[in-house]
Protein backbone atom coordinates (compact mmCIF):
# COMPACT_ATOMS: atom_id res chain seq x y z
CA MET A 1 -106.05 120.80 110.31
CA LYS A 2 -102.59 119.31 110.88
CA ILE A 3 -102.64 117.84 107.38
CA VAL A 4 -103.39 121.27 105.88
CA ILE A 5 -100.52 122.87 107.80
CA LEU A 6 -98.08 120.08 106.93
CA THR A 7 -99.12 120.23 103.26
CA PHE A 8 -98.59 123.98 103.20
CA MET A 9 -95.18 123.65 104.85
CA ALA A 10 -94.18 120.92 102.38
CA GLY A 11 -95.28 123.15 99.48
CA VAL A 12 -93.21 126.08 100.74
CA ALA A 13 -90.19 123.83 101.29
CA GLY A 14 -90.61 122.37 97.80
CA ALA A 15 -90.76 125.83 96.23
CA MET A 16 -87.65 126.93 98.12
CA LEU A 17 -85.78 123.82 97.02
CA TYR A 18 -86.87 124.32 93.41
CA PHE A 19 -85.58 127.91 93.30
CA PHE A 20 -82.39 126.95 95.14
CA VAL A 21 -81.61 124.13 92.70
CA ILE A 22 -82.85 125.82 89.51
CA GLY A 23 -81.64 129.31 90.39
CA GLU A 24 -82.73 132.63 88.97
CA CYS A 25 -81.76 131.87 85.39
CA PRO A 26 -82.63 128.29 84.44
CA GLY A 27 -80.71 127.18 81.37
CA GLY A 28 -78.98 130.53 80.97
CA THR A 29 -76.27 132.82 82.28
CA ILE A 30 -76.55 135.97 84.39
CA VAL A 31 -74.30 138.81 83.18
CA ARG A 32 -73.90 142.43 84.26
CA ASP A 33 -72.76 144.04 81.02
CA ALA A 34 -71.68 143.42 77.42
CA GLU A 35 -68.09 142.62 78.38
CA GLU A 36 -69.16 139.95 80.84
CA CYS A 37 -71.63 138.63 78.25
CA ARG A 38 -68.92 138.21 75.63
CA GLY A 39 -66.74 136.58 78.30
CA ALA A 40 -69.53 134.00 78.74
CA ASN A 41 -69.02 133.01 75.07
CA TYR A 42 -71.96 134.87 73.52
CA ASP A 43 -71.34 136.84 70.35
CA ALA A 44 -71.66 140.64 70.32
CA THR A 45 -74.96 140.60 68.42
CA THR A 46 -76.58 138.24 70.94
CA CYS A 47 -75.21 140.27 73.86
CA ASN A 48 -76.42 143.60 72.50
CA ALA A 49 -79.90 142.26 71.68
CA ALA A 50 -80.33 140.46 75.02
CA LEU A 51 -79.10 143.42 77.08
CA ALA A 52 -81.36 145.83 75.16
CA SER A 53 -84.34 143.51 75.66
CA SER A 54 -83.61 143.29 79.38
CA LYS A 55 -83.29 147.08 79.71
CA ARG A 56 -86.59 147.59 77.88
CA LYS A 57 -88.37 145.05 80.09
CA ALA A 58 -86.94 146.63 83.23
CA SER A 59 -87.49 150.31 82.48
CA GLU A 60 -90.46 150.49 80.09
CA ASN A 61 -92.57 147.34 80.25
CA GLN A 62 -92.71 146.89 84.02
CA ALA A 63 -95.59 148.31 86.06
CA PRO A 64 -94.17 151.16 88.15
CA PHE A 65 -94.36 151.79 91.87
CA ALA A 66 -96.15 155.05 92.69
CA THR A 67 -93.31 156.40 94.84
CA LEU A 68 -89.57 155.87 95.18
CA ASP A 69 -90.06 154.81 98.80
CA GLN A 70 -92.44 152.00 97.78
CA CYS A 71 -89.89 150.69 95.30
CA LEU A 72 -87.01 150.89 97.78
CA ARG A 73 -88.95 148.81 100.32
CA SER A 74 -88.54 145.76 98.09
CA PHE A 75 -85.49 146.48 95.91
CA ALA A 76 -81.96 147.72 96.57
CA VAL A 77 -81.87 150.34 93.78
CA CYS A 78 -84.70 152.10 91.91
CA GLU A 79 -84.95 154.65 89.10
CA PRO A 80 -87.71 156.67 87.41
CA HIS A 81 -89.88 154.70 84.97
CA ALA A 82 -88.98 155.38 81.33
CA ALA A 83 -92.58 155.85 80.14
CA VAL A 84 -94.55 156.87 83.27
CA SER A 85 -93.45 160.24 84.58
CA SER A 86 -94.54 159.66 88.18
CA GLY A 87 -93.47 156.02 88.58
CA PHE A 88 -90.38 154.16 89.75
CA VAL A 89 -88.97 150.76 88.82
CA PRO A 90 -86.18 148.62 90.30
CA VAL A 91 -82.78 148.61 88.63
CA PRO A 92 -81.72 145.07 87.70
CA ARG A 93 -78.46 143.68 89.08
CA GLY A 94 -77.94 141.74 85.87
CA THR A 95 -79.47 140.10 82.81
CA CYS A 96 -80.39 136.44 82.41
CA ILE A 97 -79.47 135.40 78.88
CA ALA A 98 -81.26 132.18 77.98
CA ARG A 99 -82.28 130.36 74.82
CA THR A 100 -85.85 130.92 73.67
CA GLY A 101 -88.19 128.28 72.29
CA SER A 102 -87.43 129.45 68.75
CA GLY A 103 -83.70 128.85 69.17
CA GLY A 104 -82.63 132.47 69.69
CA PHE A 105 -81.63 134.20 72.91
CA ASP A 106 -83.50 136.68 75.07
CA GLY A 107 -82.54 138.84 78.03
CA THR A 108 -84.58 139.01 81.23
CA PRO A 109 -83.77 141.40 84.08
CA VAL A 110 -82.61 139.86 87.37
CA TYR A 111 -83.24 141.91 90.51
CA GLU A 112 -81.74 142.12 93.97
CA ARG A 113 -84.72 141.86 96.29
CA LEU A 114 -84.53 143.02 99.87
CA ARG A 115 -87.20 140.63 101.18
């Protein structure tokens, strides 16, 4: 039983270390808006496409919470879902702009979690 507990604790510690070292945006840059994106040496086309992709993923493609209260239990800021009239989604604190496997760039929302 001790081995199981120690293995579990080592796994949790390893996961925490991985996310601490790698961060939320491995191989990319977290930006808040187009101005900050251009300041990070991305061109305007890349910034606009990545920010639009991130917004779409955050507001349309994400499964919604049923109520605003449910969303606010886990995230700092929430808004109505873009496609589901009775759902709510978290508002990202920024966008991770990272290179894709095909050589382009993509934007992924980065959230501020409460827990």
